[in-house]
Every structure is written in C-alpha cells, then in structure tokens.
Amino acid sequence: MNNRWIGDFVWAYPYLISMSMSSEFKQREVEQTYNFCRPYLKQFRTALDIGCDEFMFAGVLESDFDIIHCWDFRNKTNQMSRHVKNKNKVHFHHTGLGETEATRYTKPGVGRVKGTEPWGNSTVAIPIVPLDSFGLFESVDFIKMDVEGYEPLIIRGAVRTIESSWPVILCEINRGDFTAKTLLEAMGYRCADIYHKLDVPHDYLFVRD
C-alpha cells in the first residue's frame, strides 16, 4: 500500500468522522424538529418546504405527505437521492421566493440573499418570485420556512396561498426580527409552540384555530 496514501488517509480521517457526525446530527435535528410539529398537523396532503437545501427535511416529510413542493435558489438536486426515496412525491422549484418578482444577489456558496444590487463579491443573481404565483391554493397542510431572515417577504408574497388552506406554519425566527410573527398573527395565527436549538428559541410553530 502506498505510504503517501496512508498518510493522506490518516490526516483526513478526523475530518471525515467530523463530517459524518455533523450529517448525523443534522439528520437527528431535522427529525426532532418535524416530530415537534407533527402533533399539530391534522391532514397530510401537501407540504411546502421553503429553503429545502439538501432535501433533508423533505425526506422526513415524505413518509407522511402525498406531495412536497421544495424551493431553494441553490440547485442541490444531486443530493436529493440521499434523503428522498420516492422522488415522484417531490417537486423542486429552483428559485428564490419573496414578496414580488425581482432579482436579488448573493455571494457564491452563500445560502441567503445579500443585497438588491450586485456589489463586491455578491454578484450571483437570484430570481425571486412570490409563492402565490405557483397557484397552490388548495390542500396545503404544512409550510416550513428556513430562509435566513427572508421569511417576512415570503409571507407577504404568500397571502393567498396561506388563506386558501390555513396550513400549520413552522417559521425560523432567530435573528431578533419578529416581523414574520407579527404578520402571521395579523392573519389570525397564534404561536402554539417554540422549538429550541441549544436552549435558544429557533423555530416558531403557528396554527390558526
């Protein structure tokens, strides 16, 4: 066996183990987050996964829901098979969501919008469309939003979709901006529970009685 190969492997082994543990931790976190939501769900027809990233959350939703629509401006469909067994259930939309049609910008490899104009390293164009433009006006029972602070804009562009079905909504709020909570409460929602990560409030669960 090549000594150089052995040396490279020994050097990389801790990194590989760390990556594996990180992936396993993320999977457990996703499962725990969905199990936190599940008792509040009454039907399991269509779920919307906004900010689907590697389709890990979609893979958990798959066992319950008939149809899952996923959005992300990063195209990671090559990783879908790692988490999703039945790809026929999952419809991926390679675009960002927001209040209106627009173009926004980010840096290469960054998972959130950085600005309204190209500036510095933020030169990657992101097409933005409102959720309502997809015409999903029936049978939506669950919406999960994890979009790094863009949640209020998405809610403003999803009013008709939300009001058509009144789904249970899981919304990430961890940057001190409670605009999304205010918007949903104005629509008649209440915060039924809060999911904590590392003892810090992270995801807010909204239901409409």
N, C-alpha and C. Protein backbone atom coordinates (compact mmCIF):
# COMPACT_ATOMS: atom_id res chain seq x y z
N MET A 1 0.85 -1.20 0.00
CA MET A 1 0.00 0.00 0.00
C MET A 1 0.88 1.24 0.00
N ASN A 2 0.49 2.26 -0.80
CA ASN A 2 1.27 3.48 -0.92
C ASN A 2 1.31 4.24 0.40
N ASN A 3 2.57 4.53 0.87
CA ASN A 3 2.71 5.20 2.16
C ASN A 3 2.12 6.60 2.14
N ARG A 4 2.22 7.25 0.99
CA ARG A 4 1.63 8.59 0.89
C ARG A 4 0.12 8.52 1.04
N TRP A 5 -0.51 7.49 0.43
CA TRP A 5 -1.96 7.33 0.54
C TRP A 5 -2.35 7.13 1.99
N ILE A 6 -1.56 6.29 2.71
CA ILE A 6 -1.84 6.05 4.13
C ILE A 6 -1.74 7.34 4.92
N GLY A 7 -0.69 8.12 4.63
CA GLY A 7 -0.53 9.38 5.33
C GLY A 7 -1.69 10.34 5.08
N ASP A 8 -2.14 10.41 3.82
CA ASP A 8 -3.26 11.28 3.50
C ASP A 8 -4.52 10.83 4.21
N PHE A 9 -4.72 9.52 4.28
CA PHE A 9 -5.92 9.00 4.93
C PHE A 9 -5.90 9.29 6.43
N VAL A 10 -4.76 9.08 7.06
CA VAL A 10 -4.64 9.35 8.49
C VAL A 10 -4.90 10.83 8.77
N TRP A 11 -4.41 11.70 7.90
CA TRP A 11 -4.63 13.13 8.09
C TRP A 11 -6.10 13.49 7.90
N ALA A 12 -6.75 12.85 6.94
CA ALA A 12 -8.14 13.21 6.62
C ALA A 12 -9.16 12.51 7.50
N TYR A 13 -8.78 11.43 8.19
CA TYR A 13 -9.74 10.62 8.92
C TYR A 13 -10.54 11.43 9.94
N PRO A 14 -9.89 12.24 10.79
CA PRO A 14 -10.68 13.03 11.76
C PRO A 14 -11.69 13.94 11.07
N TYR A 15 -11.31 14.51 9.92
CA TYR A 15 -12.22 15.38 9.17
C TYR A 15 -13.42 14.58 8.66
N LEU A 16 -13.17 13.38 8.13
CA LEU A 16 -14.26 12.55 7.63
C LEU A 16 -15.22 12.16 8.74
N ILE A 17 -14.67 11.81 9.90
CA ILE A 17 -15.51 11.44 11.04
C ILE A 17 -16.34 12.65 11.48
N SER A 18 -15.71 13.81 11.51
CA SER A 18 -16.41 15.03 11.90
C SER A 18 -17.56 15.33 10.95
N MET A 19 -17.31 15.18 9.65
CA MET A 19 -18.35 15.43 8.66
C MET A 19 -19.49 14.45 8.83
N SER A 20 -19.17 13.16 9.09
CA SER A 20 -20.20 12.14 9.28
C SER A 20 -21.05 12.45 10.50
N MET A 21 -20.39 12.84 11.60
CA MET A 21 -21.12 13.16 12.82
C MET A 21 -21.98 14.39 12.61
N SER A 22 -21.46 15.37 11.86
CA SER A 22 -22.23 16.57 11.58
C SER A 22 -23.49 16.23 10.80
N SER A 23 -23.36 15.37 9.78
CA SER A 23 -24.50 14.95 8.98
C SER A 23 -25.51 14.19 9.83
N GLU A 24 -25.03 13.30 10.68
CA GLU A 24 -25.92 12.55 11.56
C GLU A 24 -26.62 13.47 12.54
N PHE A 25 -25.90 14.46 13.05
CA PHE A 25 -26.50 15.42 13.98
C PHE A 25 -27.60 16.21 13.28
N LYS A 26 -27.34 16.67 12.05
CA LYS A 26 -28.33 17.42 11.29
C LYS A 26 -29.57 16.58 11.02
N GLN A 27 -29.36 15.29 10.69
CA GLN A 27 -30.50 14.41 10.43
C GLN A 27 -31.36 14.25 11.69
N ARG A 28 -30.72 14.04 12.82
CA ARG A 28 -31.48 13.91 14.08
C ARG A 28 -32.21 15.21 14.40
N GLU A 29 -31.57 16.33 14.15
CA GLU A 29 -32.19 17.63 14.42
C GLU A 29 -33.42 17.84 13.55
N VAL A 30 -33.32 17.46 12.29
CA VAL A 30 -34.45 17.59 11.37
C VAL A 30 -35.60 16.69 11.82
N GLU A 31 -35.30 15.47 12.17
CA GLU A 31 -36.33 14.54 12.64
C GLU A 31 -37.00 15.05 13.91
N GLN A 32 -36.22 15.56 14.83
CA GLN A 32 -36.78 16.09 16.07
C GLN A 32 -37.66 17.31 15.80
N THR A 33 -37.22 18.15 14.86
CA THR A 33 -38.00 19.34 14.53
C THR A 33 -39.35 18.95 13.94
N TYR A 34 -39.35 17.97 13.03
CA TYR A 34 -40.63 17.54 12.44
C TYR A 34 -41.51 16.86 13.47
N ASN A 35 -40.93 16.04 14.32
CA ASN A 35 -41.72 15.38 15.37
C ASN A 35 -42.33 16.39 16.32
N PHE A 36 -41.66 17.52 16.50
CA PHE A 36 -42.19 18.62 17.30
C PHE A 36 -43.44 19.20 16.64
N CYS A 37 -43.45 19.27 15.30
CA CYS A 37 -44.58 19.82 14.56
C CYS A 37 -45.75 18.85 14.41
N ARG A 38 -45.45 17.59 14.28
CA ARG A 38 -46.42 16.61 13.83
C ARG A 38 -47.72 16.56 14.64
N PRO A 39 -47.69 16.67 15.97
CA PRO A 39 -48.96 16.60 16.72
C PRO A 39 -49.95 17.70 16.35
N TYR A 40 -49.47 18.78 15.76
CA TYR A 40 -50.36 19.89 15.40
C TYR A 40 -50.97 19.71 14.01
N LEU A 41 -50.48 18.75 13.25
CA LEU A 41 -50.97 18.54 11.89
C LEU A 41 -52.22 17.67 11.90
N LYS A 42 -53.22 18.09 11.12
CA LYS A 42 -54.47 17.36 11.06
C LYS A 42 -54.63 16.59 9.76
N GLN A 43 -54.00 17.08 8.70
CA GLN A 43 -54.03 16.39 7.41
C GLN A 43 -52.63 16.39 6.82
N PHE A 44 -52.41 15.48 5.86
CA PHE A 44 -51.08 15.30 5.30
C PHE A 44 -51.17 15.20 3.78
N ARG A 45 -51.70 16.25 3.18
CA ARG A 45 -51.85 16.24 1.73
C ARG A 45 -50.62 16.88 1.05
N THR A 46 -50.47 18.18 1.15
CA THR A 46 -49.35 18.87 0.50
C THR A 46 -48.54 19.64 1.54
N ALA A 47 -47.22 19.50 1.46
CA ALA A 47 -46.31 20.25 2.32
C ALA A 47 -45.42 21.12 1.45
N LEU A 48 -45.08 22.31 1.96
CA LEU A 48 -44.19 23.23 1.26
C LEU A 48 -42.93 23.40 2.08
N ASP A 49 -41.80 23.04 1.50
CA ASP A 49 -40.50 23.14 2.17
C ASP A 49 -39.74 24.30 1.53
N ILE A 50 -39.75 25.45 2.18
CA ILE A 50 -39.16 26.66 1.63
C ILE A 50 -37.78 26.85 2.26
N GLY A 51 -36.75 26.75 1.43
CA GLY A 51 -35.38 26.69 1.91
C GLY A 51 -35.00 25.24 2.15
N CYS A 52 -35.14 24.43 1.09
CA CYS A 52 -35.02 22.96 1.25
C CYS A 52 -33.58 22.49 1.33
N ASP A 53 -32.62 23.30 0.89
CA ASP A 53 -31.20 22.97 0.99
C ASP A 53 -30.92 21.59 0.39
N GLU A 54 -30.55 20.60 1.21
CA GLU A 54 -30.17 19.27 0.72
C GLU A 54 -31.33 18.28 0.70
N PHE A 55 -32.57 18.74 0.89
CA PHE A 55 -33.77 17.90 0.88
C PHE A 55 -33.86 16.99 2.10
N MET A 56 -33.15 17.33 3.17
CA MET A 56 -33.19 16.52 4.37
C MET A 56 -34.57 16.58 5.03
N PHE A 57 -35.13 17.79 5.10
CA PHE A 57 -36.46 17.94 5.70
C PHE A 57 -37.51 17.30 4.79
N ALA A 58 -37.36 17.44 3.49
CA ALA A 58 -38.29 16.81 2.55
C ALA A 58 -38.30 15.30 2.72
N GLY A 59 -37.12 14.73 3.00
CA GLY A 59 -37.04 13.30 3.21
C GLY A 59 -37.82 12.83 4.42
N VAL A 60 -37.90 13.68 5.44
CA VAL A 60 -38.69 13.34 6.63
C VAL A 60 -40.18 13.52 6.34
N LEU A 61 -40.53 14.56 5.59
CA LEU A 61 -41.93 14.80 5.24
C LEU A 61 -42.48 13.69 4.34
N GLU A 62 -41.61 13.08 3.58
CA GLU A 62 -42.02 12.10 2.56
C GLU A 62 -42.86 10.97 3.13
N SER A 63 -42.57 10.54 4.35
CA SER A 63 -43.28 9.39 4.91
C SER A 63 -44.74 9.71 5.23
N ASP A 64 -45.08 10.99 5.34
CA ASP A 64 -46.45 11.38 5.71
C ASP A 64 -47.23 12.03 4.58
N PHE A 65 -46.59 12.87 3.80
CA PHE A 65 -47.32 13.72 2.86
C PHE A 65 -47.41 13.11 1.46
N ASP A 66 -48.52 13.46 0.78
CA ASP A 66 -48.73 12.98 -0.58
C ASP A 66 -47.82 13.71 -1.57
N ILE A 67 -47.69 15.04 -1.39
CA ILE A 67 -46.91 15.86 -2.30
C ILE A 67 -46.07 16.84 -1.48
N ILE A 68 -44.83 17.06 -1.91
CA ILE A 68 -43.95 18.02 -1.24
C ILE A 68 -43.37 18.94 -2.31
N HIS A 69 -43.63 20.22 -2.16
CA HIS A 69 -43.03 21.23 -3.04
C HIS A 69 -41.85 21.85 -2.29
N CYS A 70 -40.71 21.95 -2.97
CA CYS A 70 -39.48 22.46 -2.36
C CYS A 70 -38.94 23.64 -3.16
N TRP A 71 -38.44 24.64 -2.42
CA TRP A 71 -37.83 25.81 -3.07
C TRP A 71 -36.45 26.07 -2.51
N ASP A 72 -35.52 26.41 -3.39
CA ASP A 72 -34.21 26.89 -2.99
C ASP A 72 -33.56 27.51 -4.21
N PHE A 73 -32.87 28.64 -4.03
CA PHE A 73 -32.19 29.24 -5.19
C PHE A 73 -30.88 28.53 -5.50
N ARG A 74 -30.45 27.64 -4.58
CA ARG A 74 -29.29 26.78 -4.86
C ARG A 74 -29.81 25.44 -5.36
N ASN A 75 -29.29 24.96 -6.45
CA ASN A 75 -29.77 23.70 -7.02
C ASN A 75 -28.94 22.54 -6.46
N LYS A 76 -29.50 21.84 -5.49
CA LYS A 76 -28.82 20.69 -4.90
C LYS A 76 -29.57 19.40 -5.18
N THR A 77 -30.19 19.32 -6.34
CA THR A 77 -30.96 18.12 -6.68
C THR A 77 -30.08 16.89 -6.75
N ASN A 78 -28.77 17.07 -6.95
CA ASN A 78 -27.87 15.91 -6.99
C ASN A 78 -27.77 15.24 -5.61
N GLN A 79 -28.24 15.92 -4.56
CA GLN A 79 -28.21 15.34 -3.23
C GLN A 79 -29.58 14.81 -2.78
N MET A 80 -30.57 14.98 -3.63
CA MET A 80 -31.92 14.57 -3.24
C MET A 80 -32.01 13.08 -2.92
N SER A 81 -31.34 12.24 -3.71
CA SER A 81 -31.43 10.80 -3.53
C SER A 81 -30.87 10.33 -2.19
N ARG A 82 -30.06 11.16 -1.54
CA ARG A 82 -29.51 10.79 -0.23
C ARG A 82 -30.60 10.77 0.84
N HIS A 83 -31.66 11.57 0.63
CA HIS A 83 -32.66 11.72 1.68
C HIS A 83 -34.08 11.36 1.24
N VAL A 84 -34.35 11.40 -0.07
CA VAL A 84 -35.69 11.16 -0.57
C VAL A 84 -35.74 9.81 -1.29
N LYS A 85 -36.68 8.98 -0.88
CA LYS A 85 -36.80 7.66 -1.50
C LYS A 85 -37.68 7.69 -2.73
N ASN A 86 -38.79 8.41 -2.65
CA ASN A 86 -39.72 8.48 -3.77
C ASN A 86 -39.69 9.88 -4.36
N LYS A 87 -38.88 10.08 -5.39
CA LYS A 87 -38.71 11.41 -5.98
C LYS A 87 -39.98 11.89 -6.68
N ASN A 88 -40.90 10.99 -6.99
CA ASN A 88 -42.14 11.39 -7.63
C ASN A 88 -43.01 12.26 -6.72
N LYS A 89 -42.75 12.17 -5.43
CA LYS A 89 -43.51 12.97 -4.47
C LYS A 89 -43.00 14.41 -4.37
N VAL A 90 -41.76 14.62 -4.80
CA VAL A 90 -41.09 15.89 -4.56
C VAL A 90 -41.01 16.72 -5.84
N HIS A 91 -41.46 17.97 -5.75
CA HIS A 91 -41.39 18.90 -6.88
C HIS A 91 -40.46 20.04 -6.48
N PHE A 92 -39.31 20.11 -7.14
CA PHE A 92 -38.32 21.12 -6.80
C PHE A 92 -38.45 22.34 -7.70
N HIS A 93 -38.46 23.53 -7.08
CA HIS A 93 -38.54 24.80 -7.81
C HIS A 93 -37.25 25.57 -7.56
N HIS A 94 -36.46 25.69 -8.60
CA HIS A 94 -35.13 26.30 -8.47
C HIS A 94 -35.25 27.81 -8.59
N THR A 95 -35.70 28.44 -7.52
CA THR A 95 -35.86 29.89 -7.49
C THR A 95 -35.96 30.34 -6.04
N GLY A 96 -35.72 31.61 -5.81
CA GLY A 96 -35.98 32.18 -4.51
C GLY A 96 -37.42 32.66 -4.43
N LEU A 97 -37.94 32.81 -3.22
CA LEU A 97 -39.28 33.33 -3.02
C LEU A 97 -39.21 34.66 -2.29
N GLY A 98 -40.19 35.52 -2.57
CA GLY A 98 -40.23 36.81 -1.92
C GLY A 98 -41.59 37.45 -2.10
N GLU A 99 -41.65 38.77 -1.89
CA GLU A 99 -42.93 39.48 -1.95
C GLU A 99 -43.40 39.70 -3.38
N THR A 100 -42.46 40.03 -4.27
CA THR A 100 -42.79 40.30 -5.67
C THR A 100 -41.68 39.73 -6.55
N GLU A 101 -41.93 39.74 -7.86
CA GLU A 101 -40.90 39.30 -8.79
C GLU A 101 -39.75 40.30 -8.77
N ALA A 102 -38.54 39.77 -8.67
CA ALA A 102 -37.37 40.65 -8.58
C ALA A 102 -36.12 39.82 -8.82
N THR A 103 -34.99 40.50 -8.87
CA THR A 103 -33.69 39.85 -8.91
C THR A 103 -32.89 40.35 -7.71
N ARG A 104 -32.35 39.42 -6.96
CA ARG A 104 -31.52 39.76 -5.82
C ARG A 104 -30.14 39.13 -6.02
N TYR A 105 -29.22 39.41 -5.12
CA TYR A 105 -27.84 38.96 -5.32
C TYR A 105 -27.26 38.35 -4.04
N THR A 106 -26.34 37.42 -4.25
CA THR A 106 -25.65 36.79 -3.13
C THR A 106 -24.22 36.46 -3.54
N LYS A 107 -23.46 35.95 -2.59
CA LYS A 107 -22.10 35.50 -2.86
C LYS A 107 -22.11 34.03 -3.26
N PRO A 108 -21.13 33.58 -4.03
CA PRO A 108 -21.05 32.15 -4.37
C PRO A 108 -20.97 31.30 -3.10
N GLY A 109 -21.82 30.27 -3.04
CA GLY A 109 -21.80 29.34 -1.92
C GLY A 109 -22.54 29.80 -0.69
N VAL A 110 -23.14 30.99 -0.74
CA VAL A 110 -23.87 31.53 0.42
C VAL A 110 -25.35 31.20 0.28
N GLY A 111 -25.99 30.82 1.40
CA GLY A 111 -27.37 30.36 1.36
C GLY A 111 -28.41 31.40 1.69
N ARG A 112 -28.07 32.69 1.58
CA ARG A 112 -29.07 33.72 1.82
C ARG A 112 -28.82 34.93 0.92
N VAL A 113 -29.87 35.70 0.71
CA VAL A 113 -29.78 36.90 -0.11
C VAL A 113 -28.92 37.93 0.59
N LYS A 114 -28.03 38.54 -0.18
CA LYS A 114 -27.12 39.52 0.41
C LYS A 114 -27.47 40.97 0.04
N GLY A 115 -28.16 41.19 -1.09
CA GLY A 115 -28.46 42.56 -1.46
C GLY A 115 -29.37 42.67 -2.67
N THR A 116 -29.82 43.90 -2.92
CA THR A 116 -30.71 44.15 -4.05
C THR A 116 -29.94 44.50 -5.32
N GLU A 117 -28.65 44.78 -5.18
CA GLU A 117 -27.81 45.14 -6.30
C GLU A 117 -26.49 44.35 -6.21
N PRO A 118 -25.88 44.04 -7.35
CA PRO A 118 -24.57 43.39 -7.29
C PRO A 118 -23.54 44.32 -6.67
N TRP A 119 -22.77 43.80 -5.74
CA TRP A 119 -21.78 44.63 -5.05
C TRP A 119 -20.69 43.74 -4.48
N GLY A 120 -19.44 44.10 -4.68
CA GLY A 120 -18.33 43.32 -4.17
C GLY A 120 -18.37 41.90 -4.71
N ASN A 121 -18.36 40.93 -3.79
CA ASN A 121 -18.44 39.52 -4.19
C ASN A 121 -19.87 39.03 -4.39
N SER A 122 -20.84 39.86 -4.04
CA SER A 122 -22.25 39.46 -4.18
C SER A 122 -22.73 39.73 -5.60
N THR A 123 -22.34 38.85 -6.50
CA THR A 123 -22.65 39.04 -7.93
C THR A 123 -23.50 37.90 -8.51
N VAL A 124 -23.85 36.92 -7.67
CA VAL A 124 -24.67 35.80 -8.15
C VAL A 124 -26.14 36.23 -8.14
N ALA A 125 -26.76 36.27 -9.30
CA ALA A 125 -28.15 36.72 -9.42
C ALA A 125 -29.11 35.63 -8.95
N ILE A 126 -30.11 36.05 -8.19
CA ILE A 126 -31.14 35.13 -7.70
C ILE A 126 -32.50 35.60 -8.20
N PRO A 127 -33.19 34.80 -9.00
CA PRO A 127 -34.56 35.17 -9.39
C PRO A 127 -35.49 34.99 -8.19
N ILE A 128 -36.34 35.98 -7.96
CA ILE A 128 -37.30 35.95 -6.85
C ILE A 128 -38.71 36.03 -7.41
N VAL A 129 -39.58 35.16 -6.93
CA VAL A 129 -41.00 35.20 -7.32
C VAL A 129 -41.85 34.98 -6.07
N PRO A 130 -43.09 35.46 -6.05
CA PRO A 130 -43.96 35.21 -4.90
C PRO A 130 -44.49 33.78 -4.91
N LEU A 131 -44.69 33.24 -3.74
CA LEU A 131 -45.24 31.89 -3.63
C LEU A 131 -46.61 31.80 -4.30
N ASP A 132 -47.39 32.85 -4.20
CA ASP A 132 -48.73 32.83 -4.79
C ASP A 132 -48.70 32.60 -6.30
N SER A 133 -47.59 32.88 -6.95
CA SER A 133 -47.50 32.70 -8.41
C SER A 133 -47.54 31.24 -8.82
N PHE A 134 -47.39 30.31 -7.86
CA PHE A 134 -47.41 28.88 -8.17
C PHE A 134 -48.82 28.30 -8.14
N GLY A 135 -49.79 29.07 -7.68
CA GLY A 135 -51.18 28.62 -7.72
C GLY A 135 -51.52 27.45 -6.82
N LEU A 136 -50.82 27.34 -5.72
CA LEU A 136 -51.09 26.23 -4.77
C LEU A 136 -52.15 26.68 -3.77
N PHE A 137 -53.38 26.76 -4.26
CA PHE A 137 -54.45 27.36 -3.46
C PHE A 137 -55.40 26.34 -2.84
N GLU A 138 -54.95 25.12 -2.70
CA GLU A 138 -55.77 24.12 -2.01
C GLU A 138 -54.88 23.00 -1.49
N SER A 139 -55.33 22.37 -0.42
CA SER A 139 -54.72 21.16 0.12
C SER A 139 -53.33 21.35 0.72
N VAL A 140 -52.92 22.60 0.99
CA VAL A 140 -51.63 22.82 1.65
C VAL A 140 -51.83 22.72 3.16
N ASP A 141 -51.22 21.74 3.78
CA ASP A 141 -51.43 21.48 5.20
C ASP A 141 -50.26 21.88 6.08
N PHE A 142 -49.09 22.11 5.46
CA PHE A 142 -47.91 22.43 6.26
C PHE A 142 -46.93 23.25 5.43
N ILE A 143 -46.41 24.31 6.04
CA ILE A 143 -45.35 25.12 5.41
C ILE A 143 -44.19 25.22 6.39
N LYS A 144 -43.00 24.91 5.91
CA LYS A 144 -41.78 25.10 6.70
C LYS A 144 -40.94 26.16 5.99
N MET A 145 -40.54 27.20 6.74
CA MET A 145 -39.72 28.26 6.17
C MET A 145 -38.41 28.38 6.96
N ASP A 146 -37.31 28.23 6.24
CA ASP A 146 -35.98 28.40 6.83
C ASP A 146 -35.13 29.11 5.78
N VAL A 147 -35.22 30.45 5.78
CA VAL A 147 -34.62 31.21 4.69
C VAL A 147 -33.78 32.38 5.20
N GLU A 148 -33.19 32.23 6.37
CA GLU A 148 -32.19 33.17 6.86
C GLU A 148 -32.66 34.62 6.88
N GLY A 149 -33.83 34.85 7.47
CA GLY A 149 -34.32 36.21 7.64
C GLY A 149 -35.23 36.73 6.55
N TYR A 150 -35.44 35.95 5.48
CA TYR A 150 -36.28 36.38 4.37
C TYR A 150 -37.75 36.01 4.57
N GLU A 151 -38.08 35.41 5.72
CA GLU A 151 -39.43 34.92 5.98
C GLU A 151 -40.52 35.99 5.82
N PRO A 152 -40.35 37.21 6.36
CA PRO A 152 -41.43 38.20 6.22
C PRO A 152 -41.79 38.50 4.76
N LEU A 153 -40.78 38.60 3.90
CA LEU A 153 -41.05 38.88 2.49
C LEU A 153 -41.78 37.72 1.83
N ILE A 154 -41.43 36.51 2.21
CA ILE A 154 -42.11 35.34 1.65
C ILE A 154 -43.56 35.30 2.09
N ILE A 155 -43.82 35.61 3.35
CA ILE A 155 -45.20 35.62 3.86
C ILE A 155 -46.02 36.66 3.10
N ARG A 156 -45.46 37.83 2.86
CA ARG A 156 -46.20 38.87 2.13
C ARG A 156 -46.53 38.44 0.70
N GLY A 157 -45.71 37.58 0.12
CA GLY A 157 -45.97 37.08 -1.23
C GLY A 157 -46.73 35.77 -1.25
N ALA A 158 -47.24 35.35 -0.08
CA ALA A 158 -47.92 34.05 0.02
C ALA A 158 -49.28 34.15 0.69
N VAL A 159 -49.84 35.35 0.74
CA VAL A 159 -51.08 35.57 1.48
C VAL A 159 -52.22 34.70 0.94
N ARG A 160 -52.38 34.69 -0.37
CA ARG A 160 -53.48 33.90 -0.94
C ARG A 160 -53.27 32.41 -0.70
N THR A 161 -52.03 31.94 -0.85
CA THR A 161 -51.73 30.53 -0.60
C THR A 161 -52.07 30.16 0.85
N ILE A 162 -51.68 31.00 1.77
CA ILE A 162 -51.93 30.73 3.19
C ILE A 162 -53.42 30.76 3.49
N GLU A 163 -54.10 31.81 3.03
CA GLU A 163 -55.51 31.98 3.35
C GLU A 163 -56.39 30.94 2.68
N SER A 164 -55.89 30.28 1.63
CA SER A 164 -56.69 29.26 0.94
C SER A 164 -56.80 27.97 1.74
N SER A 165 -55.80 27.67 2.58
CA SER A 165 -55.80 26.38 3.28
C SER A 165 -55.54 26.51 4.78
N TRP A 166 -55.04 27.66 5.23
CA TRP A 166 -54.66 27.86 6.63
C TRP A 166 -53.78 26.74 7.15
N PRO A 167 -52.63 26.51 6.53
CA PRO A 167 -51.74 25.42 6.96
C PRO A 167 -51.06 25.73 8.28
N VAL A 168 -50.59 24.70 8.94
CA VAL A 168 -49.66 24.85 10.06
C VAL A 168 -48.35 25.38 9.47
N ILE A 169 -47.74 26.36 10.15
CA ILE A 169 -46.54 27.00 9.61
C ILE A 169 -45.41 26.94 10.63
N LEU A 170 -44.28 26.39 10.21
CA LEU A 170 -43.06 26.41 11.01
C LEU A 170 -42.15 27.46 10.42
N CYS A 171 -41.83 28.48 11.22
CA CYS A 171 -41.08 29.63 10.71
C CYS A 171 -39.84 29.87 11.56
N GLU A 172 -38.69 29.87 10.92
CA GLU A 172 -37.45 30.18 11.63
C GLU A 172 -37.43 31.66 12.01
N ILE A 173 -37.24 31.92 13.30
CA ILE A 173 -37.09 33.30 13.79
C ILE A 173 -35.97 33.27 14.82
N ASN A 174 -34.78 33.62 14.40
CA ASN A 174 -33.65 33.53 15.33
C ASN A 174 -32.66 34.68 15.16
N ARG A 175 -33.13 35.77 14.54
CA ARG A 175 -32.24 36.92 14.32
C ARG A 175 -32.76 38.17 15.04
N GLY A 176 -33.69 37.98 15.97
CA GLY A 176 -34.22 39.11 16.71
C GLY A 176 -35.26 39.93 15.96
N ASP A 177 -35.65 39.49 14.76
CA ASP A 177 -36.66 40.19 13.96
C ASP A 177 -37.95 39.39 14.02
N PHE A 178 -38.98 39.93 14.65
CA PHE A 178 -40.24 39.21 14.83
C PHE A 178 -41.31 39.69 13.86
N THR A 179 -40.89 40.25 12.74
CA THR A 179 -41.85 40.71 11.74
C THR A 179 -42.71 39.57 11.22
N ALA A 180 -42.11 38.41 10.99
CA ALA A 180 -42.88 37.26 10.49
C ALA A 180 -43.97 36.87 11.48
N LYS A 181 -43.65 36.87 12.74
CA LYS A 181 -44.63 36.55 13.79
C LYS A 181 -45.77 37.56 13.78
N THR A 182 -45.44 38.83 13.65
CA THR A 182 -46.46 39.88 13.61
C THR A 182 -47.38 39.71 12.41
N LEU A 183 -46.80 39.40 11.25
CA LEU A 183 -47.60 39.22 10.03
C LEU A 183 -48.56 38.04 10.16
N LEU A 184 -48.06 36.94 10.68
CA LEU A 184 -48.92 35.75 10.81
C LEU A 184 -50.01 35.96 11.85
N GLU A 185 -49.68 36.63 12.94
CA GLU A 185 -50.69 36.90 13.96
C GLU A 185 -51.77 37.84 13.42
N ALA A 186 -51.39 38.75 12.53
CA ALA A 186 -52.38 39.64 11.90
C ALA A 186 -53.32 38.87 10.99
N MET A 187 -52.90 37.68 10.55
CA MET A 187 -53.74 36.84 9.72
C MET A 187 -54.57 35.87 10.55
N GLY A 188 -54.48 35.97 11.86
CA GLY A 188 -55.28 35.12 12.74
C GLY A 188 -54.55 33.92 13.31
N TYR A 189 -53.25 33.82 13.04
CA TYR A 189 -52.46 32.72 13.59
C TYR A 189 -52.05 33.04 15.03
N ARG A 190 -51.74 32.00 15.75
CA ARG A 190 -51.12 32.15 17.07
C ARG A 190 -49.90 31.24 17.14
N CYS A 191 -48.95 31.65 17.92
CA CYS A 191 -47.75 30.83 18.13
C CYS A 191 -48.10 29.75 19.13
N ALA A 192 -48.17 28.51 18.66
CA ALA A 192 -48.58 27.39 19.51
C ALA A 192 -47.42 26.80 20.30
N ASP A 193 -46.20 26.94 19.77
CA ASP A 193 -45.04 26.35 20.45
C ASP A 193 -43.76 26.91 19.81
N ILE A 194 -42.66 26.73 20.52
CA ILE A 194 -41.36 27.20 20.03
C ILE A 194 -40.35 26.07 20.16
N TYR A 195 -39.65 25.80 19.06
CA TYR A 195 -38.61 24.77 19.08
C TYR A 195 -37.27 25.44 19.37
N HIS A 196 -36.57 24.90 20.37
CA HIS A 196 -35.29 25.46 20.79
C HIS A 196 -34.13 24.63 20.23
N LYS A 197 -33.08 25.32 19.85
CA LYS A 197 -31.82 24.67 19.48
C LYS A 197 -30.74 25.20 20.41
N LEU A 198 -30.08 24.28 21.11
CA LEU A 198 -29.07 24.65 22.10
C LEU A 198 -29.65 25.63 23.11
N ASP A 199 -30.90 25.34 23.52
CA ASP A 199 -31.62 26.13 24.54
C ASP A 199 -31.95 27.55 24.09
N VAL A 200 -31.89 27.80 22.79
CA VAL A 200 -32.22 29.13 22.26
C VAL A 200 -33.44 29.00 21.35
N PRO A 201 -34.46 29.87 21.50
CA PRO A 201 -35.62 29.81 20.58
C PRO A 201 -35.17 29.94 19.13
N HIS A 202 -35.66 29.03 18.29
CA HIS A 202 -35.16 28.99 16.91
C HIS A 202 -36.29 28.95 15.90
N ASP A 203 -37.24 28.03 16.05
CA ASP A 203 -38.34 27.86 15.11
C ASP A 203 -39.67 28.04 15.84
N TYR A 204 -40.54 28.88 15.28
CA TYR A 204 -41.84 29.17 15.88
C TYR A 204 -42.93 28.46 15.10
N LEU A 205 -43.80 27.77 15.82
CA LEU A 205 -44.88 26.99 15.17
C LEU A 205 -46.19 27.76 15.30
N PHE A 206 -46.80 28.03 14.15
CA PHE A 206 -48.04 28.81 14.11
C PHE A 206 -49.20 27.95 13.64
N VAL A 207 -50.33 28.11 14.33
CA VAL A 207 -51.57 27.44 13.95
C VAL A 207 -52.69 28.45 13.96
N ARG A 208 -53.73 28.14 13.22
CA ARG A 208 -54.91 29.02 13.21
C ARG A 208 -56.10 28.19 13.68
N ASP A 209 -56.63 28.57 14.80
CA ASP A 209 -57.74 27.80 15.40
C ASP A 209 -59.05 28.05 14.67
